[in-house]
Amino acid sequence: MNTSLLRSIGAAVCLSSAYYWVPATRAVTKAPPVQQPYHLIQKIGLSGTERWDYLTLDSAARHLYVTRGTRVVVLNVDTGKVVGQISQTAGVHGIALAPTLGRGFTSNGTAATVTIFDLKTLQVLGQVKTGENPDAIVYEPVSQRVFTFNGKSNTTTVFDAKSAKVLSTLPLGGRPEFAVADGSGQVYVNIETTNEVVTLEARTLTVKARFPLTPCTEPSGIAIDQAHRRLFIGCSNQKMAVVDADSGQVKATLPIGQRVDANAFDPATGLAFSSNGDGTLTIVHEDSPARFSVLGNVITQPGARTMALDLKTHNVFLAAAQLDPSPLPPLGSGQLPIRPKVRPGTFTGMEGWGTLKAPVF
């Protein structure tokens, strides 16, 4: 790790394990000034043995949403305390937020539904039927529409965020992974099985473009620098692809850890993050829209593959747990793989890295 740079940058936080990030002034043309070294600050344990998937953070409301199998646990990121939970979310994968509408949405893979909930009370307001195994979910603010990306049917279901009326189901030509909205009416989604990123036009509900991601393979996480129109895409072959959001040109590829699942970008610091299941957090700096550099890899907890970025404090939150080491039963004909169970009392909702407080599961 480039400790001289990281020492001047700041710190991070972890849930089971979450990471706390100390802010640095954005400087696109030069590396940010170092303020503090990265180190683990705090871990916050959460009860239960359910596995987890995406994390979503509402920086304004100070709420961190943690998906836990059949429920969503909601934490106050400043205190680390559980403030509530959302029910009716069988097989929940992701969370999308529409703050101006006061609504949130969960993608429920087992139920093939979206649960609509109130952001203040966390009470369930309704359900929407989707395609098979909705995984990633995105709220697009210009059209005020919600997109679910359905892993088994290779489609996206689109519905109106206010009326909950389903507007369209679009074929994607492969299995979708993470997605991100650009704030201007477009949504970008990684297609894992074809090594592409697809651009969707939210207002016309059309596929606008398909861009190959060579040399990136099996893309998963995606984040965006809206100001400079750059996508940061995590690839299973240990690369972060930096892609021009308009032309689809791969501008750079940078080395990251193994088993990436999520990416994030902080416009205030010019930092892009890759959370990797091998127990590393890769940190990349946007030196300019055409130049990018790896600052280093923070050692996290193995399995801490999903994350959320707090744009107010610049903390990064990761989730992890210790898994049951008992051998799994052999697979039968046509049986899906069985995942190891979480060992009781080991799930950390937040883990913090830096010089300030940080939480962990």
Protein backbone atom coordinates (compact mmCIF):
# COMPACT_ATOMS: atom_id res chain seq x y z
CA MET A 1 0.00 0.00 0.00
CA ASN A 2 1.19 3.54 -0.71
CA THR A 3 1.23 4.56 2.95
CA SER A 4 2.53 8.06 2.29
CA LEU A 5 -0.52 8.86 0.17
CA LEU A 6 -2.99 7.10 2.43
CA ARG A 7 -1.53 8.84 5.46
CA SER A 8 -2.50 12.11 3.86
CA ILE A 9 -5.91 10.95 2.72
CA GLY A 10 -7.81 9.81 5.71
CA ALA A 11 -9.57 6.81 7.14
CA ALA A 12 -12.38 4.32 6.61
CA VAL A 13 -15.19 2.36 8.68
CA CYS A 14 -16.60 -1.43 8.76
CA LEU A 15 -20.13 -3.08 9.65
CA SER A 16 -19.66 -6.67 10.82
CA SER A 17 -17.17 -4.67 9.38
CA ALA A 18 -17.87 -0.93 8.01
CA TYR A 19 -15.26 1.66 7.15
CA TYR A 20 -15.01 5.26 8.24
CA TRP A 21 -13.51 7.74 5.81
CA VAL A 22 -11.94 11.08 6.79
CA PRO A 23 -12.70 13.65 4.07
CA ALA A 24 -10.06 15.28 1.91
CA THR A 25 -10.45 18.33 -0.33
CA ARG A 26 -11.21 17.33 -3.94
CA ALA A 27 -8.31 18.00 -6.28
CA VAL A 28 -8.87 16.47 -9.72
CA THR A 29 -5.43 17.38 -11.03
CA LYS A 30 -3.34 16.14 -8.10
CA ALA A 31 -3.47 13.54 -5.35
CA PRO A 32 -5.44 14.69 -2.30
CA PRO A 33 -3.47 15.86 0.75
CA VAL A 34 -2.89 13.21 3.40
CA GLN A 35 -4.57 13.75 6.75
CA GLN A 36 -4.72 10.42 8.60
CA PRO A 37 -3.70 6.81 8.00
CA TYR A 38 -6.35 4.16 7.41
CA HIS A 39 -7.07 1.99 10.42
CA LEU A 40 -9.99 0.12 11.92
CA ILE A 41 -11.92 2.37 14.25
CA GLN A 42 -14.92 0.41 15.49
CA LYS A 43 -17.06 -2.66 14.90
CA ILE A 44 -20.79 -2.84 15.55
CA GLY A 45 -22.29 -6.30 15.92
CA LEU A 46 -25.77 -7.19 14.68
CA SER A 47 -27.75 -10.19 15.85
CA GLY A 48 -29.06 -12.95 13.63
CA THR A 49 -27.59 -15.59 11.34
CA GLU A 50 -29.04 -14.40 8.04
CA ARG A 51 -26.68 -13.65 5.20
CA TRP A 52 -26.58 -10.20 3.65
CA ASP A 53 -26.31 -8.50 0.27
CA TYR A 54 -26.36 -4.81 -0.68
CA LEU A 55 -25.91 -1.91 1.71
CA THR A 56 -27.54 1.47 1.03
CA LEU A 57 -26.85 4.70 2.92
CA ASP A 58 -29.08 7.76 3.18
CA SER A 59 -26.51 10.42 4.04
CA ALA A 60 -29.11 13.11 4.77
CA ALA A 61 -31.28 10.98 7.07
CA ARG A 62 -28.20 9.22 8.55
CA HIS A 63 -29.75 5.80 7.91
CA LEU A 64 -27.87 2.72 6.75
CA TYR A 65 -30.00 -0.05 5.24
CA VAL A 66 -28.62 -3.57 5.66
CA THR A 67 -30.33 -6.42 3.82
CA ARG A 68 -30.67 -9.59 5.95
CA GLY A 69 -32.45 -12.36 4.03
CA THR A 70 -36.10 -11.72 4.93
CA ARG A 71 -35.80 -8.26 6.47
CA VAL A 72 -33.89 -5.01 6.21
CA VAL A 73 -32.16 -3.70 9.34
CA VAL A 74 -31.87 0.09 9.56
CA LEU A 75 -29.03 1.67 11.55
CA ASN A 76 -28.24 5.22 12.60
CA VAL A 77 -24.73 5.63 11.20
CA ASP A 78 -23.73 8.21 13.78
CA THR A 79 -24.68 6.16 16.85
CA GLY A 80 -24.43 2.65 15.42
CA LYS A 81 -27.83 1.85 16.94
CA VAL A 82 -30.61 -0.08 15.22
CA VAL A 83 -33.55 2.28 14.62
CA GLY A 84 -35.95 -0.17 13.00
CA GLN A 85 -36.44 -2.76 10.33
CA ILE A 86 -38.49 -3.36 7.19
CA SER A 87 -40.50 -6.55 6.86
CA GLN A 88 -42.15 -8.39 3.93
CA THR A 89 -38.87 -8.61 2.01
CA ALA A 90 -38.35 -12.33 1.25
CA GLY A 91 -34.93 -12.86 -0.32
CA VAL A 92 -34.11 -9.15 -0.23
CA HIS A 93 -31.11 -8.03 -2.29
CA GLY A 94 -31.08 -4.25 -2.61
CA ILE A 95 -32.55 -0.91 -1.57
CA ALA A 96 -33.39 2.17 -3.65
CA LEU A 97 -34.33 5.52 -2.12
CA ALA A 98 -36.51 8.36 -3.42
CA PRO A 99 -36.06 11.07 -0.75
CA THR A 100 -38.18 13.69 -2.54
CA LEU A 101 -41.09 11.23 -2.53
CA GLY A 102 -40.45 10.00 1.00
CA ARG A 103 -40.30 6.42 -0.26
CA GLY A 104 -37.89 3.53 -0.37
CA PHE A 105 -37.95 0.29 -2.34
CA THR A 106 -36.53 -3.19 -1.71
CA SER A 107 -35.87 -5.86 -4.36
CA ASN A 108 -37.07 -9.23 -3.01
CA GLY A 109 -35.46 -12.06 -4.94
CA THR A 110 -37.40 -14.98 -3.50
CA ALA A 111 -40.80 -13.29 -3.75
CA ALA A 112 -40.11 -11.64 -7.12
CA THR A 113 -41.54 -8.40 -5.74
CA VAL A 114 -40.57 -4.90 -4.65
CA THR A 115 -41.62 -3.71 -1.20
CA ILE A 116 -42.44 0.01 -1.01
CA PHE A 117 -41.85 1.59 2.40
CA ASP A 118 -42.08 4.98 4.09
CA LEU A 119 -38.64 6.53 4.67
CA LYS A 120 -39.64 8.12 8.00
CA THR A 121 -41.70 5.39 9.62
CA LEU A 122 -40.22 2.36 7.75
CA GLN A 123 -43.78 1.07 7.41
CA VAL A 124 -44.65 -1.02 4.35
CA LEU A 125 -46.84 0.88 1.84
CA GLY A 126 -47.31 -1.75 -0.84
CA GLN A 127 -45.84 -4.38 -3.15
CA VAL A 128 -45.03 -4.48 -6.88
CA LYS A 129 -44.64 -7.67 -8.92
CA THR A 130 -41.39 -7.96 -10.90
CA GLY A 131 -39.50 -10.44 -13.06
CA GLU A 132 -37.73 -13.45 -11.58
CA ASN A 133 -35.16 -12.82 -8.83
CA PRO A 134 -34.97 -9.01 -8.78
CA ASP A 135 -31.45 -8.20 -7.60
CA ALA A 136 -30.11 -4.68 -8.17
CA ILE A 137 -32.64 -1.85 -7.87
CA VAL A 138 -32.29 1.83 -8.86
CA TYR A 139 -34.48 4.93 -8.52
CA GLU A 140 -34.13 7.28 -11.51
CA PRO A 141 -35.03 10.82 -10.31
CA VAL A 142 -35.74 12.57 -13.66
CA SER A 143 -38.48 10.15 -14.69
CA GLN A 144 -39.35 9.22 -11.08
CA ARG A 145 -39.21 5.57 -12.05
CA VAL A 146 -37.82 2.50 -10.33
CA PHE A 147 -35.83 -0.14 -12.20
CA THR A 148 -35.33 -3.68 -10.88
CA PHE A 149 -32.78 -5.92 -12.55
CA ASN A 150 -34.04 -9.47 -12.62
CA GLY A 151 -31.26 -12.04 -12.47
CA LYS A 152 -33.19 -15.10 -13.59
CA SER A 153 -35.34 -13.59 -16.32
CA ASN A 154 -32.55 -11.33 -17.70
CA THR A 155 -34.91 -8.36 -17.73
CA THR A 156 -35.57 -5.05 -16.05
CA THR A 157 -38.98 -4.25 -14.58
CA VAL A 158 -39.81 -0.52 -14.60
CA PHE A 159 -42.59 1.06 -12.52
CA ASP A 160 -43.71 4.53 -11.52
CA ALA A 161 -42.40 5.39 -8.05
CA LYS A 162 -45.56 7.32 -7.07
CA SER A 163 -48.36 5.19 -8.49
CA ALA A 164 -46.50 1.83 -8.33
CA LYS A 165 -47.84 1.07 -11.81
CA VAL A 166 -45.62 -1.26 -13.84
CA LEU A 167 -44.71 0.50 -17.09
CA SER A 168 -42.52 -1.96 -18.94
CA THR A 169 -40.40 -5.09 -18.83
CA LEU A 170 -37.30 -4.78 -21.02
CA PRO A 171 -35.06 -7.70 -22.11
CA LEU A 172 -31.39 -7.10 -21.35
CA GLY A 173 -29.75 -9.89 -23.33
CA GLY A 174 -27.94 -11.38 -20.35
CA ARG A 175 -27.82 -11.56 -16.58
CA PRO A 176 -27.82 -8.08 -15.00
CA GLU A 177 -25.71 -7.14 -12.00
CA PHE A 178 -25.31 -3.74 -10.30
CA ALA A 179 -26.76 -0.59 -11.85
CA VAL A 180 -26.47 3.17 -11.36
CA ALA A 181 -28.42 6.27 -12.48
CA ASP A 182 -26.59 9.30 -13.86
CA GLY A 183 -29.05 11.91 -12.55
CA SER A 184 -29.90 13.01 -16.10
CA GLY A 185 -32.38 10.36 -17.16
CA GLN A 186 -30.12 7.42 -17.94
CA VAL A 187 -29.44 4.17 -16.10
CA TYR A 188 -26.36 2.00 -16.59
CA VAL A 189 -26.40 -1.72 -15.78
CA ASN A 190 -23.62 -4.30 -15.96
CA ILE A 191 -24.42 -7.48 -17.90
CA GLU A 192 -22.35 -10.17 -16.25
CA THR A 193 -22.78 -12.92 -18.85
CA THR A 194 -21.91 -10.81 -21.90
CA ASN A 195 -19.21 -8.55 -20.37
CA GLU A 196 -21.09 -5.39 -21.31
CA VAL A 197 -22.60 -2.29 -19.80
CA VAL A 198 -26.06 -1.36 -21.11
CA THR A 199 -27.43 2.20 -21.17
CA LEU A 200 -31.17 2.58 -20.57
CA GLU A 201 -33.15 5.72 -21.40
CA ALA A 202 -35.55 6.14 -18.47
CA ARG A 203 -38.08 8.44 -20.14
CA THR A 204 -38.53 6.44 -23.33
CA LEU A 205 -37.92 3.04 -21.69
CA THR A 206 -35.51 1.92 -24.38
CA VAL A 207 -32.08 0.37 -24.55
CA LYS A 208 -29.95 3.24 -25.79
CA ALA A 209 -26.56 1.54 -26.14
CA ARG A 210 -24.53 -1.58 -25.36
CA PHE A 211 -20.80 -1.20 -24.72
CA PRO A 212 -18.28 -4.06 -24.51
CA LEU A 213 -16.02 -3.88 -21.45
CA THR A 214 -12.94 -5.69 -22.83
CA PRO A 215 -10.65 -6.56 -21.03
CA CYS A 216 -13.10 -6.59 -18.10
CA THR A 217 -14.89 -9.91 -17.51
CA GLU A 218 -18.02 -10.66 -15.44
CA PRO A 219 -18.66 -7.06 -14.31
CA SER A 220 -20.45 -6.63 -10.98
CA GLY A 221 -20.19 -3.34 -9.04
CA ILE A 222 -20.65 0.03 -10.73
CA ALA A 223 -20.35 3.66 -9.61
CA ILE A 224 -20.40 6.98 -11.48
CA ASP A 225 -18.60 10.31 -11.47
CA GLN A 226 -21.50 12.37 -12.81
CA ALA A 227 -19.47 15.54 -13.36
CA HIS A 228 -16.85 13.88 -15.58
CA ARG A 229 -19.10 11.16 -17.04
CA ARG A 230 -16.95 8.27 -15.82
CA LEU A 231 -18.18 4.82 -14.77
CA PHE A 232 -16.14 2.75 -12.32
CA ILE A 233 -16.85 -0.94 -12.89
CA GLY A 234 -15.57 -3.87 -10.83
CA CYS A 235 -14.64 -6.98 -12.80
CA SER A 236 -14.10 -10.56 -11.65
CA ASN A 237 -10.67 -10.73 -13.32
CA GLN A 238 -9.34 -8.32 -10.65
CA LYS A 239 -9.70 -5.14 -12.67
CA MET A 240 -11.54 -1.87 -12.24
CA ALA A 241 -12.60 -0.58 -15.64
CA VAL A 242 -13.00 3.19 -15.97
CA VAL A 243 -15.49 3.80 -18.79
CA ASP A 244 -16.67 6.94 -20.61
CA ALA A 245 -20.41 6.95 -19.88
CA ASP A 246 -21.27 8.50 -23.25
CA SER A 247 -18.96 6.78 -25.74
CA GLY A 248 -18.48 3.51 -23.86
CA GLN A 249 -14.72 3.73 -24.32
CA VAL A 250 -12.69 1.98 -21.63
CA LYS A 251 -10.36 4.78 -20.50
CA ALA A 252 -8.32 2.76 -18.01
CA THR A 253 -8.12 -0.53 -16.16
CA LEU A 254 -6.62 -0.75 -12.68
CA PRO A 255 -5.74 -3.75 -10.48
CA ILE A 256 -8.09 -4.56 -7.59
CA GLY A 257 -8.58 -7.43 -5.15
CA GLN A 258 -10.35 -10.72 -5.78
CA ARG A 259 -14.15 -11.28 -5.75
CA VAL A 260 -15.25 -7.66 -6.12
CA ASP A 261 -18.96 -7.07 -5.61
CA ALA A 262 -19.42 -3.31 -5.10
CA ASN A 263 -17.96 0.01 -6.18
CA ALA A 264 -18.46 3.56 -4.96
CA PHE A 265 -17.27 7.03 -5.98
CA ASP A 266 -16.88 10.11 -3.78
CA PRO A 267 -17.12 13.33 -5.83
CA ALA A 268 -15.70 15.43 -2.98
CA THR A 269 -12.43 13.51 -2.74
CA GLY A 270 -12.15 12.05 -6.24
CA LEU A 271 -11.80 8.58 -4.77
CA ALA A 272 -13.27 5.38 -6.20
CA PHE A 273 -13.58 2.28 -4.00
CA SER A 274 -13.76 -1.43 -4.75
CA SER A 275 -14.88 -3.78 -1.95
CA ASN A 276 -13.45 -7.22 -2.51
CA GLY A 277 -14.45 -10.53 -0.97
CA ASP A 278 -10.81 -11.47 -0.38
CA GLY A 279 -10.73 -8.94 2.47
CA THR A 280 -9.41 -5.85 0.73
CA LEU A 281 -10.75 -2.40 -0.08
CA THR A 282 -9.02 -1.03 -3.18
CA ILE A 283 -8.79 2.77 -3.32
CA VAL A 284 -8.35 4.57 -6.65
CA HIS A 285 -7.83 8.31 -7.13
CA GLU A 286 -9.15 10.21 -10.16
CA ASP A 287 -6.10 12.37 -10.89
CA SER A 288 -7.89 13.81 -13.93
CA PRO A 289 -10.74 12.57 -16.16
CA ALA A 290 -8.07 10.78 -18.21
CA ARG A 291 -5.72 9.58 -15.48
CA PHE A 292 -6.31 7.30 -12.50
CA SER A 293 -4.00 5.82 -9.88
CA VAL A 294 -4.31 3.06 -7.28
CA LEU A 295 -3.50 4.47 -3.85
CA GLY A 296 -3.51 1.11 -2.11
CA ASN A 297 -5.47 -1.77 -0.61
CA VAL A 298 -6.79 -1.56 2.93
CA ILE A 299 -6.96 -4.96 4.64
CA THR A 300 -10.56 -5.57 5.73
CA GLN A 301 -12.40 -8.75 6.77
CA PRO A 302 -12.68 -11.68 4.35
CA GLY A 303 -16.15 -11.69 2.83
CA ALA A 304 -16.62 -7.90 3.16
CA ARG A 305 -17.68 -7.58 -0.47
CA THR A 306 -20.54 -5.07 -0.35
CA MET A 307 -20.34 -1.49 0.88
CA ALA A 308 -22.02 1.87 1.24
CA LEU A 309 -20.40 5.32 1.07
CA ASP A 310 -21.49 8.17 3.32
CA LEU A 311 -21.20 11.33 1.21
CA LYS A 312 -21.50 13.53 4.30
CA THR A 313 -18.68 12.07 6.38
CA HIS A 314 -16.90 10.20 3.57
CA ASN A 315 -17.04 6.96 5.55
CA VAL A 316 -17.14 3.61 3.77
CA PHE A 317 -19.25 0.90 5.41
CA LEU A 318 -18.63 -2.80 4.80
CA ALA A 319 -20.53 -5.85 6.04
CA ALA A 320 -19.00 -9.20 6.96
CA ALA A 321 -19.38 -12.18 9.28
CA GLN A 322 -17.69 -15.42 10.20
CA LEU A 323 -19.20 -18.37 8.37
CA ASP A 324 -19.92 -21.83 9.74
CA PRO A 325 -16.89 -24.03 8.93
CA SER A 326 -18.99 -27.23 8.96
CA PRO A 327 -18.88 -29.14 5.64
CA LEU A 328 -21.89 -28.64 3.39
CA PRO A 329 -24.00 -31.59 2.20
CA PRO A 330 -23.27 -32.85 -1.34
CA LEU A 331 -25.31 -31.35 -4.14
CA GLY A 332 -28.10 -33.41 -5.64
CA SER A 333 -29.16 -33.45 -9.27
CA GLY A 334 -30.34 -29.97 -10.29
CA GLN A 335 -29.80 -28.58 -6.79
CA LEU A 336 -28.54 -25.03 -6.40
CA PRO A 337 -25.31 -24.53 -4.40
CA ILE A 338 -25.81 -24.18 -0.63
CA ARG A 339 -24.05 -21.27 1.05
CA PRO A 340 -22.39 -21.63 4.47
CA LYS A 341 -24.41 -20.22 7.36
CA VAL A 342 -23.39 -17.19 9.39
CA ARG A 343 -22.01 -18.13 12.80
CA PRO A 344 -24.21 -16.64 15.55
CA GLY A 345 -22.93 -13.40 17.04
CA THR A 346 -20.32 -12.75 14.33
CA PHE A 347 -22.18 -10.48 11.92
CA THR A 348 -20.82 -6.96 12.09
CA GLY A 349 -23.04 -4.30 10.66
CA MET A 350 -20.27 -1.72 10.45
CA GLU A 351 -16.53 -1.62 10.67
CA GLY A 352 -14.63 1.65 10.76
CA TRP A 353 -11.26 2.52 9.33
CA GLY A 354 -9.62 5.87 10.01
CA THR A 355 -9.11 8.24 12.87
CA LEU A 356 -12.76 8.79 13.76
CA LYS A 357 -15.44 6.36 14.84
CA ALA A 358 -16.33 3.47 12.56
CA PRO A 359 -18.95 0.68 12.86
CA VAL A 360 -19.10 -3.06 11.82
CA PHE A 361 -21.64 -5.99 11.71
